[in-house]
């Protein structure tokens, strides 16, 4: 019901890996000490931009960030 999919309507995460294309995407890392509710992303500049493979898990994204940004 409705326009928003519910978790029960989505595929299990194990099926997600087969649906993703084998390509890379850009990950932008933003750093701020401000309250996240008050941030305006249009006024911010990313601290770094890294390329990472599109994946069903966050591990490749974190590995790509760690290679290019030492505090991660």
Protein backbone atom coordinates (compact mmCIF):
# COMPACT_ATOMS: atom_id res chain seq x y z
CA UNK A 1 0.00 0.00 0.00
CA UNK A 2 1.26 3.51 -0.71
CA UNK A 3 4.12 4.85 -2.81
CA UNK A 4 6.93 4.06 -0.38
CA UNK A 5 8.32 0.52 -0.37
CA UNK A 6 8.38 -1.25 2.96
CA UNK A 7 11.24 -3.48 4.11
CA UNK A 8 8.91 -6.47 3.73
CA UNK A 9 8.46 -5.62 0.03
CA UNK A 10 12.19 -5.49 -0.72
CA UNK A 11 14.47 -8.32 -1.78
CA UNK A 12 16.76 -9.90 0.78
CA UNK A 13 20.26 -8.38 0.80
CA UNK A 14 21.78 -11.62 -0.58
CA UNK A 15 19.78 -11.07 -3.80
CA UNK A 16 20.93 -7.44 -4.09
CA UNK A 17 24.48 -8.32 -5.17
CA UNK A 18 23.17 -9.99 -8.33
CA UNK A 19 21.10 -6.93 -9.29
CA UNK A 20 23.90 -4.34 -9.09
CA UNK A 21 25.84 -3.44 -12.22
CA UNK A 22 29.60 -3.82 -12.14
CA UNK A 23 30.62 -0.18 -12.16
CA UNK A 24 32.18 2.42 -9.89
CA UNK A 25 30.54 5.34 -8.19
CA UNK A 26 31.76 8.49 -6.46
CA UNK A 27 31.70 8.81 -2.69
CA UNK A 28 31.87 12.29 -1.22
CA UNK A 29 33.07 12.67 2.37
CA UNK A 30 31.78 15.69 4.27
CA UNK A 31 33.17 16.64 7.69
CA UNK A 32 31.43 18.96 10.13
CA UNK A 33 31.17 19.47 13.89
CA UNK A 34 27.71 21.02 13.51
CA UNK A 35 24.39 19.43 14.36
CA UNK A 36 23.42 17.24 11.35
CA UNK A 37 19.86 18.59 11.46
CA UNK A 38 21.15 22.10 10.78
CA UNK A 39 23.54 21.29 7.92
CA UNK A 40 22.84 22.57 4.43
CA UNK A 41 24.61 20.17 2.03
CA UNK A 42 24.31 22.64 -0.84
CA UNK A 43 26.59 25.08 1.03
CA UNK A 44 29.22 22.48 2.02
CA UNK A 45 32.28 21.28 0.14
CA UNK A 46 33.42 17.66 0.42
CA UNK A 47 36.66 16.98 2.29
CA UNK A 48 37.43 14.35 -0.35
CA UNK A 49 35.93 12.45 -3.25
CA UNK A 50 36.81 8.80 -3.85
CA UNK A 51 35.71 6.22 -6.37
CA UNK A 52 34.41 2.90 -5.08
CA UNK A 53 32.81 -0.12 -6.71
CA UNK A 54 29.03 -0.32 -6.53
CA UNK A 55 28.31 -3.11 -4.06
CA UNK A 56 25.67 -4.54 -1.77
CA UNK A 57 27.94 -3.91 1.24
CA UNK A 58 29.71 -0.89 2.65
CA UNK A 59 33.11 -2.59 2.92
CA UNK A 60 34.43 -1.58 -0.55
CA UNK A 61 33.33 2.00 0.08
CA UNK A 62 35.15 2.18 3.41
CA UNK A 63 38.25 0.59 1.86
CA UNK A 64 38.26 3.21 -0.92
CA UNK A 65 37.94 6.00 1.65
CA UNK A 66 40.67 4.53 3.85
CA UNK A 67 43.11 4.38 0.91
CA UNK A 68 42.69 8.09 0.17
CA UNK A 69 41.89 9.65 3.55
CA UNK A 70 44.13 8.70 6.46
CA UNK A 71 41.80 9.50 9.45
CA UNK A 72 39.29 6.87 8.30
